[in-house]
């Protein structure tokens, strides 16, 4: 369906280099969810930072959103009881 709109979806691993990502000439990048502590995703944070600097539209889902936040200079912390609903306060 995306190809009918002129888009092609390419799935790459978490540690793909910026150069390899840019070789696809992306119209946008989605950083998907995954397990783990976002602070430990140094390579992905650096790549996200470079995508932002190149003005590539970038969307993060769950862990990906935290990675984008870290790439933009924000900080993260583990919730005391975990996240099990939509009623979480954002400060």
C-alpha atoms as a PDB file:
ATOM      1  CA  UNK A   1       0.000   0.000   0.000  1.00  0.00           C
ATOM      2  CA  UNK A   2       2.794   2.467   0.835  1.00  0.00           C
ATOM      3  CA  UNK A   3       4.416   1.884  -2.536  1.00  0.00           C
ATOM      4  CA  UNK A   4       1.175   3.025  -4.213  1.00  0.00           C
ATOM      5  CA  UNK A   5       1.696   6.351  -2.424  1.00  0.00           C
ATOM      6  CA  UNK A   6       5.321   6.622  -3.546  1.00  0.00           C
ATOM      7  CA  UNK A   7       6.851   5.301  -0.327  1.00  0.00           C
ATOM      8  CA  UNK A   8       8.844   2.157   0.357  1.00  0.00           C
ATOM      9  CA  UNK A   9       9.209   0.799   3.894  1.00  0.00           C
ATOM     10  CA  UNK A  10      12.686  -0.467   4.775  1.00  0.00           C
ATOM     11  CA  UNK A  11      13.333  -2.174   8.118  1.00  0.00           C
ATOM     12  CA  UNK A  12      16.911  -1.908   9.397  1.00  0.00           C
ATOM     13  CA  UNK A  13      18.559  -3.108  12.627  1.00  0.00           C
ATOM     14  CA  UNK A  14      19.131  -0.852  15.624  1.00  0.00           C
ATOM     15  CA  UNK A  15      22.838  -0.457  14.911  1.00  0.00           C
ATOM     16  CA  UNK A  16      22.588   0.613  11.251  1.00  0.00           C
ATOM     17  CA  UNK A  17      24.950   3.493  10.540  1.00  0.00           C
ATOM     18  CA  UNK A  18      23.709   6.923   9.509  1.00  0.00           C
ATOM     19  CA  UNK A  19      25.447   6.469   6.156  1.00  0.00           C
ATOM     20  CA  UNK A  20      23.560   3.227   5.463  1.00  0.00           C
ATOM     21  CA  UNK A  21      20.251   4.805   6.488  1.00  0.00           C
ATOM     22  CA  UNK A  22      20.878   7.838   4.292  1.00  0.00           C
ATOM     23  CA  UNK A  23      21.725   5.570   1.327  1.00  0.00           C
ATOM     24  CA  UNK A  24      17.964   4.869   1.129  1.00  0.00           C
ATOM     25  CA  UNK A  25      17.259   8.618   0.812  1.00  0.00           C
ATOM     26  CA  UNK A  26      14.581   8.414   3.519  1.00  0.00           C
ATOM     27  CA  UNK A  27      11.598  10.742   3.545  1.00  0.00           C
ATOM     28  CA  UNK A  28      11.292   9.913   7.237  1.00  0.00           C
ATOM     29  CA  UNK A  29      12.540   7.504   9.891  1.00  0.00           C
ATOM     30  CA  UNK A  30      10.656   5.654  12.629  1.00  0.00           C
ATOM     31  CA  UNK A  31      12.594   4.434  15.652  1.00  0.00           C
ATOM     32  CA  UNK A  32      10.514   1.568  16.965  1.00  0.00           C
ATOM     33  CA  UNK A  33      10.060   0.136  20.418  1.00  0.00           C
ATOM     34  CA  UNK A  34      12.185  -2.514  22.010  1.00  0.00           C
ATOM     35  CA  UNK A  35      13.306  -3.785  25.373  1.00  0.00           C
ATOM     36  CA  UNK A  36      15.906  -2.161  27.524  1.00  0.00           C
ATOM     37  CA  UNK A  37      17.161   1.007  29.108  1.00  0.00           C
ATOM     38  CA  UNK A  38      17.302   3.879  26.579  1.00  0.00           C
ATOM     39  CA  UNK A  39      20.430   5.292  28.257  1.00  0.00           C
ATOM     40  CA  UNK A  40      22.336   2.191  27.073  1.00  0.00           C
ATOM     41  CA  UNK A  41      21.425   2.819  23.396  1.00  0.00           C
ATOM     42  CA  UNK A  42      24.413   5.089  22.681  1.00  0.00           C
ATOM     43  CA  UNK A  43      24.750   4.236  18.979  1.00  0.00           C
ATOM     44  CA  UNK A  44      21.049   4.693  18.308  1.00  0.00           C
ATOM     45  CA  UNK A  45      20.981   7.982  20.255  1.00  0.00           C
ATOM     46  CA  UNK A  46      23.914   9.271  18.175  1.00  0.00           C
ATOM     47  CA  UNK A  47      22.186   8.223  14.951  1.00  0.00           C
ATOM     48  CA  UNK A  48      18.930   9.884  16.054  1.00  0.00           C
ATOM     49  CA  UNK A  49      20.848  13.067  16.892  1.00  0.00           C
ATOM     50  CA  UNK A  50      22.367  13.066  13.398  1.00  0.00           C
ATOM     51  CA  UNK A  51      18.945  12.502  11.782  1.00  0.00           C
ATOM     52  CA  UNK A  52      17.595  15.491  13.719  1.00  0.00           C
ATOM     53  CA  UNK A  53      20.557  17.638  12.648  1.00  0.00           C
ATOM     54  CA  UNK A  54      19.914  16.647   9.002  1.00  0.00           C
ATOM     55  CA  UNK A  55      16.226  17.641   9.368  1.00  0.00           C
ATOM     56  CA  UNK A  56      15.011  14.129   8.517  1.00  0.00           C
ATOM     57  CA  UNK A  57      11.455  13.748   9.893  1.00  0.00           C
ATOM     58  CA  UNK A  58      11.857  11.242  12.724  1.00  0.00           C
ATOM     59  CA  UNK A  59       9.217   9.547  14.880  1.00  0.00           C
ATOM     60  CA  UNK A  60       9.834   7.451  17.977  1.00  0.00           C
ATOM     61  CA  UNK A  61       7.507   4.809  19.387  1.00  0.00           C
ATOM     62  CA  UNK A  62       7.904   3.833  23.073  1.00  0.00           C
ATOM     63  CA  UNK A  63      11.650   3.206  23.508  1.00  0.00           C
ATOM     64  CA  UNK A  64      12.185   5.098  20.242  1.00  0.00           C
ATOM     65  CA  UNK A  65      10.494   8.185  21.719  1.00  0.00           C
ATOM     66  CA  UNK A  66      12.810   8.006  24.731  1.00  0.00           C
ATOM     67  CA  UNK A  67      15.817   7.698  22.410  1.00  0.00           C
ATOM     68  CA  UNK A  68      14.678  10.793  20.510  1.00  0.00           C
ATOM     69  CA  UNK A  69      14.273  12.645  23.788  1.00  0.00           C
ATOM     70  CA  UNK A  70      17.802  11.720  24.828  1.00  0.00           C
ATOM     71  CA  UNK A  71      19.100  12.730  21.390  1.00  0.00           C
ATOM     72  CA  UNK A  72      17.467  16.126  21.915  1.00  0.00           C
ATOM     73  CA  UNK A  73      19.035  16.645  25.332  1.00  0.00           C
ATOM     74  CA  UNK A  74      16.248  15.396  27.620  1.00  0.00           C
ATOM     75  CA  UNK A  75      16.722  12.860  30.393  1.00  0.00           C
ATOM     76  CA  UNK A  76      14.849   9.676  31.283  1.00  0.00           C
ATOM     77  CA  UNK A  77      14.230   7.772  34.483  1.00  0.00           C
ATOM     78  CA  UNK A  78      12.605   4.487  35.450  1.00  0.00           C
ATOM     79  CA  UNK A  79       9.134   4.779  36.948  1.00  0.00           C
ATOM     80  CA  UNK A  80       8.781   3.345  40.461  1.00  0.00           C
ATOM     81  CA  UNK A  81       6.022   0.904  39.507  1.00  0.00           C
ATOM     82  CA  UNK A  82       6.340   0.682  35.737  1.00  0.00           C
ATOM     83  CA  UNK A  83       3.961   1.961  33.111  1.00  0.00           C
ATOM     84  CA  UNK A  84       0.723   0.011  32.958  1.00  0.00           C
ATOM     85  CA  UNK A  85      -1.800   2.522  31.700  1.00  0.00           C
ATOM     86  CA  UNK A  86      -2.476   5.808  29.995  1.00  0.00           C
ATOM     87  CA  UNK A  87      -2.924   7.874  33.154  1.00  0.00           C
ATOM     88  CA  UNK A  88       0.774   8.707  33.608  1.00  0.00           C
ATOM     89  CA  UNK A  89       1.553  12.309  34.510  1.00  0.00           C
ATOM     90  CA  UNK A  90       4.033  14.137  32.280  1.00  0.00           C
ATOM     91  CA  UNK A  91       6.168  16.776  34.022  1.00  0.00           C
END
